[in-house]
Amino acid sequence: MKATVLDLRRRMSDVMRAIDHNESVTILYRGKEKAVLSPINIQRSSPRSIADHPAFGMWSDRKDIEDVHEYIRRLRRGRVNVI
């Protein structure tokens, strides 16, 4: 399928339907091909663990966040301590 930038704005559901049918969509800008949208076929055999994510544990070495509840309390309090 070929689609112009205007088609992306006005007929995005048709573009998404083509992608759902495993069809690539060529994006045209002023009559010239600019990009190709193609479907992603992700086959996951087993659910991934959150510990497998690269960001997991990235702040584990910070000493100011040892007590998470106190850290959040400090973040949420105002600038001036009201009595």
PDB file of N, CA and C in Angstrom:
ATOM      1  N   MET A   1       0.850  -1.171   0.000  1.00  0.00           N
ATOM      2  CA  MET A   1       0.000   0.000   0.000  1.00  0.00           C
ATOM      3  C   MET A   1       0.892   1.229   0.000  1.00  0.00           C
ATOM      4  N   LYS A   2       0.447   2.252  -0.674  1.00  0.00           N
ATOM      5  CA  LYS A   2       1.136   3.538  -0.656  1.00  0.00           C
ATOM      6  C   LYS A   2       0.202   4.557  -0.005  1.00  0.00           C
ATOM      7  N   ALA A   3       0.762   5.399   0.841  1.00  0.00           N
ATOM      8  CA  ALA A   3      -0.032   6.398   1.549  1.00  0.00           C
ATOM      9  C   ALA A   3       0.739   7.699   1.615  1.00  0.00           C
ATOM     10  N   THR A   4       0.030   8.800   1.414  1.00  0.00           N
ATOM     11  CA  THR A   4       0.649  10.113   1.535  1.00  0.00           C
ATOM     12  C   THR A   4       0.591  10.555   2.988  1.00  0.00           C
ATOM     13  N   VAL A   5       1.259  11.652   3.293  1.00  0.00           N
ATOM     14  CA  VAL A   5       1.217  12.199   4.644  1.00  0.00           C
ATOM     15  C   VAL A   5      -0.214  12.587   4.997  1.00  0.00           C
ATOM     16  N   LEU A   6      -0.954  13.087   4.026  1.00  0.00           N
ATOM     17  CA  LEU A   6      -2.356  13.437   4.254  1.00  0.00           C
ATOM     18  C   LEU A   6      -3.176  12.188   4.573  1.00  0.00           C
ATOM     19  N   ASP A   7      -2.871  11.072   3.916  1.00  0.00           N
ATOM     20  CA  ASP A   7      -3.554   9.814   4.231  1.00  0.00           C
ATOM     21  C   ASP A   7      -3.277   9.391   5.672  1.00  0.00           C
ATOM     22  N   LEU A   8      -2.065   9.618   6.123  1.00  0.00           N
ATOM     23  CA  LEU A   8      -1.740   9.271   7.514  1.00  0.00           C
ATOM     24  C   LEU A   8      -2.592  10.073   8.483  1.00  0.00           C
ATOM     25  N   ARG A   9      -2.849  11.305   8.153  1.00  0.00           N
ATOM     26  CA  ARG A   9      -3.658  12.149   9.026  1.00  0.00           C
ATOM     27  C   ARG A   9      -5.133  11.784   8.970  1.00  0.00           C
ATOM     28  N   ARG A  10      -5.637  11.561   7.774  1.00  0.00           N
ATOM     29  CA  ARG A  10      -7.082  11.405   7.614  1.00  0.00           C
ATOM     30  C   ARG A  10      -7.555   9.965   7.568  1.00  0.00           C
ATOM     31  N   ARG A  11      -6.702   9.032   7.156  1.00  0.00           N
ATOM     32  CA  ARG A  11      -7.121   7.643   6.995  1.00  0.00           C
ATOM     33  C   ARG A  11      -6.180   6.690   7.722  1.00  0.00           C
ATOM     34  N   MET A  12      -5.804   7.057   8.937  1.00  0.00           N
ATOM     35  CA  MET A  12      -4.879   6.228   9.691  1.00  0.00           C
ATOM     36  C   MET A  12      -5.458   4.844   9.973  1.00  0.00           C
ATOM     37  N   SER A  13      -6.775   4.739  10.112  1.00  0.00           N
ATOM     38  CA  SER A  13      -7.365   3.424  10.370  1.00  0.00           C
ATOM     39  C   SER A  13      -7.152   2.492   9.186  1.00  0.00           C
ATOM     40  N   ASP A  14      -7.198   3.009   7.952  1.00  0.00           N
ATOM     41  CA  ASP A  14      -6.931   2.184   6.776  1.00  0.00           C
ATOM     42  C   ASP A  14      -5.464   1.741   6.735  1.00  0.00           C
ATOM     43  N   VAL A  15      -4.581   2.641   7.118  1.00  0.00           N
ATOM     44  CA  VAL A  15      -3.157   2.303   7.156  1.00  0.00           C
ATOM     45  C   VAL A  15      -2.906   1.224   8.202  1.00  0.00           C
ATOM     46  N   MET A  16      -3.508   1.372   9.386  1.00  0.00           N
ATOM     47  CA  MET A  16      -3.333   0.383  10.442  1.00  0.00           C
ATOM     48  C   MET A  16      -3.950  -0.960  10.052  1.00  0.00           C
ATOM     49  N   ARG A  17      -5.051  -0.932   9.330  1.00  0.00           N
ATOM     50  CA  ARG A  17      -5.683  -2.172   8.872  1.00  0.00           C
ATOM     51  C   ARG A  17      -4.751  -2.908   7.903  1.00  0.00           C
ATOM     52  N   ALA A  18      -4.079  -2.164   7.027  1.00  0.00           N
ATOM     53  CA  ALA A  18      -3.127  -2.781   6.101  1.00  0.00           C
ATOM     54  C   ALA A  18      -1.962  -3.401   6.866  1.00  0.00           C
ATOM     55  N   ILE A  19      -1.486  -2.716   7.891  1.00  0.00           N
ATOM     56  CA  ILE A  19      -0.392  -3.256   8.705  1.00  0.00           C
ATOM     57  C   ILE A  19      -0.858  -4.492   9.466  1.00  0.00           C
ATOM     58  N   ASP A  20      -2.109  -4.485   9.939  1.00  0.00           N
ATOM     59  CA  ASP A  20      -2.658  -5.665  10.616  1.00  0.00           C
ATOM     60  C   ASP A  20      -2.719  -6.876   9.697  1.00  0.00           C
ATOM     61  N   HIS A  21      -2.836  -6.639   8.399  1.00  0.00           N
ATOM     62  CA  HIS A  21      -2.867  -7.724   7.420  1.00  0.00           C
ATOM     63  C   HIS A  21      -1.472  -8.050   6.892  1.00  0.00           C
ATOM     64  N   ASN A  22      -0.449  -7.678   7.656  1.00  0.00           N
ATOM     65  CA  ASN A  22       0.961  -7.932   7.331  1.00  0.00           C
ATOM     66  C   ASN A  22       1.379  -7.328   5.996  1.00  0.00           C
ATOM     67  N   GLU A  23       0.873  -6.170   5.706  1.00  0.00           N
ATOM     68  CA  GLU A  23       1.222  -5.464   4.478  1.00  0.00           C
ATOM     69  C   GLU A  23       2.098  -4.264   4.835  1.00  0.00           C
ATOM     70  N   SER A  24       3.138  -4.038   4.070  1.00  0.00           N
ATOM     71  CA  SER A  24       3.984  -2.861   4.280  1.00  0.00           C
ATOM     72  C   SER A  24       3.327  -1.648   3.638  1.00  0.00           C
ATOM     73  N   VAL A  25       3.526  -0.490   4.266  1.00  0.00           N
ATOM     74  CA  VAL A  25       2.945   0.756   3.770  1.00  0.00           C
ATOM     75  C   VAL A  25       4.088   1.704   3.430  1.00  0.00           C
ATOM     76  N   THR A  26       4.125   2.161   2.198  1.00  0.00           N
ATOM     77  CA  THR A  26       5.132   3.119   1.756  1.00  0.00           C
ATOM     78  C   THR A  26       4.569   4.519   1.932  1.00  0.00           C
ATOM     79  N   ILE A  27       5.309   5.366   2.653  1.00  0.00           N
ATOM     80  CA  ILE A  27       4.883   6.731   2.923  1.00  0.00           C
ATOM     81  C   ILE A  27       5.456   7.639   1.834  1.00  0.00           C
ATOM     82  N   LEU A  28       4.578   8.421   1.213  1.00  0.00           N
ATOM     83  CA  LEU A  28       4.981   9.353   0.163  1.00  0.00           C
ATOM     84  C   LEU A  28       4.875  10.785   0.687  1.00  0.00           C
ATOM     85  N   TYR A  29       5.879  11.591   0.365  1.00  0.00           N
ATOM     86  CA  TYR A  29       5.862  13.006   0.698  1.00  0.00           C
ATOM     87  C   TYR A  29       6.167  13.776  -0.575  1.00  0.00           C
ATOM     88  N   ARG A  30       5.188  14.518  -1.036  1.00  0.00           N
ATOM     89  CA  ARG A  30       5.283  15.259  -2.296  1.00  0.00           C
ATOM     90  C   ARG A  30       5.627  14.338  -3.472  1.00  0.00           C
ATOM     91  N   GLY A  31       5.034  13.153  -3.446  1.00  0.00           N
ATOM     92  CA  GLY A  31       5.201  12.203  -4.536  1.00  0.00           C
ATOM     93  C   GLY A  31       6.449  11.350  -4.477  1.00  0.00           C
ATOM     94  N   LYS A  32       7.308  11.579  -3.484  1.00  0.00           N
ATOM     95  CA  LYS A  32       8.541  10.801  -3.362  1.00  0.00           C
ATOM     96  C   LYS A  32       8.444   9.880  -2.153  1.00  0.00           C
ATOM     97  N   GLU A  33       8.986   8.691  -2.296  1.00  0.00           N
ATOM     98  CA  GLU A  33       8.982   7.732  -1.198  1.00  0.00           C
ATOM     99  C   GLU A  33       9.919   8.213  -0.094  1.00  0.00           C
ATOM    100  N   LYS A  34       9.389   8.266   1.135  1.00  0.00           N
ATOM    101  CA  LYS A  34      10.186   8.740   2.272  1.00  0.00           C
ATOM    102  C   LYS A  34      10.445   7.650   3.298  1.00  0.00           C
ATOM    103  N   ALA A  35       9.472   6.745   3.486  1.00  0.00           N
ATOM    104  CA  ALA A  35       9.631   5.734   4.531  1.00  0.00           C
ATOM    105  C   ALA A  35       8.752   4.537   4.212  1.00  0.00           C
ATOM    106  N   VAL A  36       9.029   3.459   4.919  1.00  0.00           N
ATOM    107  CA  VAL A  36       8.213   2.258   4.798  1.00  0.00           C
ATOM    108  C   VAL A  36       7.826   1.818   6.199  1.00  0.00           C
ATOM    109  N   LEU A  37       6.532   1.675   6.414  1.00  0.00           N
ATOM    110  CA  LEU A  37       6.019   1.127   7.674  1.00  0.00           C
ATOM    111  C   LEU A  37       5.765  -0.350   7.442  1.00  0.00           C
ATOM    112  N   SER A  38       6.316  -1.172   8.296  1.00  0.00           N
ATOM    113  CA  SER A  38       6.095  -2.604   8.153  1.00  0.00           C
ATOM    114  C   SER A  38       5.686  -3.183   9.499  1.00  0.00           C
ATOM    115  N   PRO A  39       4.901  -4.236   9.499  1.00  0.00           N
ATOM    116  CA  PRO A  39       4.423  -4.818  10.754  1.00  0.00           C
ATOM    117  C   PRO A  39       5.549  -5.497  11.524  1.00  0.00           C
ATOM    118  N   ILE A  40       5.397  -5.503  12.832  1.00  0.00           N
ATOM    119  CA  ILE A  40       6.340  -6.194  13.710  1.00  0.00           C
ATOM    120  C   ILE A  40       5.699  -7.510  14.102  1.00  0.00           C
ATOM    121  N   ASN A  41       6.401  -8.564  13.908  1.00  0.00           N
ATOM    122  CA  ASN A  41       5.907  -9.882  14.308  1.00  0.00           C
ATOM    123  C   ASN A  41       6.702 -10.346  15.511  1.00  0.00           C
ATOM    124  N   ILE A  42       6.154 -10.089  16.684  1.00  0.00           N
ATOM    125  CA  ILE A  42       6.831 -10.449  17.922  1.00  0.00           C
ATOM    126  C   ILE A  42       6.280 -11.789  18.397  1.00  0.00           C
ATOM    127  N   GLN A  43       7.148 -12.755  18.508  1.00  0.00           N
ATOM    128  CA  GLN A  43       6.777 -14.073  19.004  1.00  0.00           C
ATOM    129  C   GLN A  43       7.446 -14.254  20.366  1.00  0.00           C
ATOM    130  N   ARG A  44       6.667 -14.152  21.414  1.00  0.00           N
ATOM    131  CA  ARG A  44       7.205 -14.353  22.762  1.00  0.00           C
ATOM    132  C   ARG A  44       6.714 -15.693  23.274  1.00  0.00           C
ATOM    133  N   SER A  45       7.656 -16.564  23.531  1.00  0.00           N
ATOM    134  CA  SER A  45       7.286 -17.896  23.993  1.00  0.00           C
ATOM    135  C   SER A  45       6.983 -17.904  25.487  1.00  0.00           C
ATOM    136  N   SER A  46       7.676 -17.072  26.248  1.00  0.00           N
ATOM    137  CA  SER A  46       7.433 -17.023  27.685  1.00  0.00           C
ATOM    138  C   SER A  46       7.464 -15.572  28.143  1.00  0.00           C
ATOM    139  N   PRO A  47       6.707 -15.243  29.176  1.00  0.00           N
ATOM    140  CA  PRO A  47       6.728 -13.857  29.664  1.00  0.00           C
ATOM    141  C   PRO A  47       8.092 -13.509  30.254  1.00  0.00           C
ATOM    142  N   ARG A  48       8.511 -12.281  29.994  1.00  0.00           N
ATOM    143  CA  ARG A  48       9.810 -11.829  30.501  1.00  0.00           C
ATOM    144  C   ARG A  48       9.687 -11.347  31.929  1.00  0.00           C
ATOM    145  N   SER A  49      10.727 -11.530  32.669  1.00  0.00           N
ATOM    146  CA  SER A  49      10.781 -11.056  34.046  1.00  0.00           C
ATOM    147  C   SER A  49      11.181  -9.579  34.057  1.00  0.00           C
ATOM    148  N   ILE A  50      10.691  -8.838  35.044  1.00  0.00           N
ATOM    149  CA  ILE A  50      11.054  -7.426  35.160  1.00  0.00           C
ATOM    150  C   ILE A  50      12.551  -7.280  35.456  1.00  0.00           C
ATOM    151  N   ALA A  51      13.131  -8.269  36.078  1.00  0.00           N
ATOM    152  CA  ALA A  51      14.562  -8.220  36.392  1.00  0.00           C
ATOM    153  C   ALA A  51      15.426  -8.306  35.138  1.00  0.00           C
ATOM    154  N   ASP A  52      14.853  -8.740  34.023  1.00  0.00           N
ATOM    155  CA  ASP A  52      15.601  -8.813  32.773  1.00  0.00           C
ATOM    156  C   ASP A  52      15.720  -7.466  32.083  1.00  0.00           C
ATOM    157  N   HIS A  53      14.937  -6.486  32.520  1.00  0.00           N
ATOM    158  CA  HIS A  53      14.975  -5.170  31.889  1.00  0.00           C
ATOM    159  C   HIS A  53      16.282  -4.469  32.246  1.00  0.00           C
ATOM    160  N   PRO A  54      16.921  -3.777  31.293  1.00  0.00           N
ATOM    161  CA  PRO A  54      18.213  -3.131  31.569  1.00  0.00           C
ATOM    162  C   PRO A  54      18.158  -2.058  32.643  1.00  0.00           C
ATOM    163  N   ALA A  55      16.999  -1.441  32.870  1.00  0.00           N
ATOM    164  CA  ALA A  55      16.905  -0.380  33.865  1.00  0.00           C
ATOM    165  C   ALA A  55      16.694  -0.917  35.276  1.00  0.00           C
ATOM    166  N   PHE A  56      16.453  -2.202  35.425  1.00  0.00           N
ATOM    167  CA  PHE A  56      16.199  -2.782  36.739  1.00  0.00           C
ATOM    168  C   PHE A  56      17.443  -2.674  37.613  1.00  0.00           C
ATOM    169  N   GLY A  57      17.287  -2.058  38.764  1.00  0.00           N
ATOM    170  CA  GLY A  57      18.384  -1.944  39.716  1.00  0.00           C
ATOM    171  C   GLY A  57      19.406  -0.876  39.386  1.00  0.00           C
ATOM    172  N   MET A  58      19.068   0.079  38.524  1.00  0.00           N
ATOM    173  CA  MET A  58      20.073   1.059  38.119  1.00  0.00           C
ATOM    174  C   MET A  58      20.407   2.043  39.242  1.00  0.00           C
ATOM    175  N   TRP A  59      19.540   2.170  40.245  1.00  0.00           N
ATOM    176  CA  TRP A  59      19.841   3.044  41.374  1.00  0.00           C
ATOM    177  C   TRP A  59      20.132   2.248  42.642  1.00  0.00           C
ATOM    178  N   SER A  60      20.473   1.017  42.523  1.00  0.00           N
ATOM    179  CA  SER A  60      20.678   0.179  43.708  1.00  0.00           C
ATOM    180  C   SER A  60      21.876   0.619  44.542  1.00  0.00           C
ATOM    181  N   ASP A  61      22.806   1.342  43.955  1.00  0.00           N
ATOM    182  CA  ASP A  61      23.999   1.767  44.690  1.00  0.00           C
ATOM    183  C   ASP A  61      23.850   3.145  45.332  1.00  0.00           C
ATOM    184  N   ARG A  62      22.692   3.795  45.171  1.00  0.00           N
ATOM    185  CA  ARG A  62      22.498   5.126  45.761  1.00  0.00           C
ATOM    186  C   ARG A  62      22.155   5.002  47.243  1.00  0.00           C
ATOM    187  N   LYS A  63      22.877   5.747  48.070  1.00  0.00           N
ATOM    188  CA  LYS A  63      22.687   5.676  49.525  1.00  0.00           C
ATOM    189  C   LYS A  63      21.538   6.557  50.004  1.00  0.00           C
ATOM    190  N   ASP A  64      21.150   7.605  49.218  1.00  0.00           N
ATOM    191  CA  ASP A  64      20.089   8.502  49.668  1.00  0.00           C
ATOM    192  C   ASP A  64      18.694   7.912  49.452  1.00  0.00           C
ATOM    193  N   ILE A  65      18.602   6.759  48.814  1.00  0.00           N
ATOM    194  CA  ILE A  65      17.296   6.150  48.556  1.00  0.00           C
ATOM    195  C   ILE A  65      17.174   4.806  49.275  1.00  0.00           C
ATOM    196  N   GLU A  66      17.946   4.594  50.328  1.00  0.00           N
ATOM    197  CA  GLU A  66      17.854   3.332  51.055  1.00  0.00           C
ATOM    198  C   GLU A  66      16.475   3.149  51.669  1.00  0.00           C
ATOM    199  N   ASP A  67      15.905   4.233  52.239  1.00  0.00           N
ATOM    200  CA  ASP A  67      14.543   4.189  52.758  1.00  0.00           C
ATOM    201  C   ASP A  67      13.646   4.896  51.735  1.00  0.00           C
ATOM    202  N   VAL A  68      12.962   4.113  50.940  1.00  0.00           N
ATOM    203  CA  VAL A  68      12.174   4.651  49.836  1.00  0.00           C
ATOM    204  C   VAL A  68      11.055   5.550  50.340  1.00  0.00           C
ATOM    205  N   HIS A  69      10.383   5.145  51.420  1.00  0.00           N
ATOM    206  CA  HIS A  69       9.260   5.925  51.943  1.00  0.00           C
ATOM    207  C   HIS A  69       9.716   7.304  52.423  1.00  0.00           C
ATOM    208  N   GLU A  70      10.850   7.373  53.091  1.00  0.00           N
ATOM    209  CA  GLU A  70      11.382   8.653  53.548  1.00  0.00           C
ATOM    210  C   GLU A  70      11.810   9.513  52.355  1.00  0.00           C
ATOM    211  N   TYR A  71      12.368   8.908  51.347  1.00  0.00           N
ATOM    212  CA  TYR A  71      12.790   9.640  50.150  1.00  0.00           C
ATOM    213  C   TYR A  71      11.579  10.272  49.451  1.00  0.00           C
ATOM    214  N   ILE A  72      10.500   9.520  49.291  1.00  0.00           N
ATOM    215  CA  ILE A  72       9.283  10.039  48.670  1.00  0.00           C
ATOM    216  C   ILE A  72       8.664  11.127  49.539  1.00  0.00           C
ATOM    217  N   ARG A  73       8.683  10.943  50.853  1.00  0.00           N
ATOM    218  CA  ARG A  73       8.150  11.955  51.769  1.00  0.00           C
ATOM    219  C   ARG A  73       8.909  13.270  51.616  1.00  0.00           C
ATOM    220  N   ARG A  74      10.239  13.196  51.485  1.00  0.00           N
ATOM    221  CA  ARG A  74      11.051  14.399  51.282  1.00  0.00           C
ATOM    222  C   ARG A  74      10.723  15.056  49.949  1.00  0.00           C
ATOM    223  N   LEU A  75      10.489  14.260  48.911  1.00  0.00           N
ATOM    224  CA  LEU A  75      10.153  14.811  47.608  1.00  0.00           C
ATOM    225  C   LEU A  75       8.819  15.528  47.622  1.00  0.00           C
ATOM    226  N   ARG A  76       7.854  15.006  48.353  1.00  0.00           N
ATOM    227  CA  ARG A  76       6.498  15.549  48.323  1.00  0.00           C
ATOM    228  C   ARG A  76       6.263  16.705  49.274  1.00  0.00           C
ATOM    229  N   ARG A  77       7.130  16.911  50.234  1.00  0.00           N
ATOM    230  CA  ARG A  77       6.897  18.004  51.166  1.00  0.00           C
ATOM    231  C   ARG A  77       7.157  19.336  50.461  1.00  0.00           C
ATOM    232  N   GLY A  78       6.556  20.377  51.002  1.00  0.00           N
ATOM    233  CA  GLY A  78       6.714  21.700  50.418  1.00  0.00           C
ATOM    234  C   GLY A  78       8.089  22.285  50.649  1.00  0.00           C
ATOM    235  N   ARG A  79       8.297  23.454  50.087  1.00  0.00           N
ATOM    236  CA  ARG A  79       9.594  24.118  50.269  1.00  0.00           C
ATOM    237  C   ARG A  79       9.764  24.685  51.670  1.00  0.00           C
ATOM    238  N   VAL A  80       8.659  25.118  52.242  1.00  0.00           N
ATOM    239  CA  VAL A  80       8.683  25.698  53.566  1.00  0.00           C
ATOM    240  C   VAL A  80       7.956  24.757  54.518  1.00  0.00           C
ATOM    241  N   ASN A  81       8.579  24.446  55.641  1.00  0.00           N
ATOM    242  CA  ASN A  81       7.934  23.575  56.627  1.00  0.00           C
ATOM    243  C   ASN A  81       6.882  24.370  57.371  1.00  0.00           C
ATOM    244  N   VAL A  82       5.621  24.033  57.161  1.00  0.00           N
ATOM    245  CA  VAL A  82       4.514  24.698  57.812  1.00  0.00           C
ATOM    246  C   VAL A  82       4.191  23.946  59.101  1.00  0.00           C
ATOM    247  N   ILE A  83       4.073  24.695  60.210  1.00  0.00           N
ATOM    248  CA  ILE A  83       3.813  24.066  61.511  1.00  0.00           C
ATOM    249  C   ILE A  83       2.337  23.952  61.755  1.00  0.00           C
TER     250      ILE A  83
END
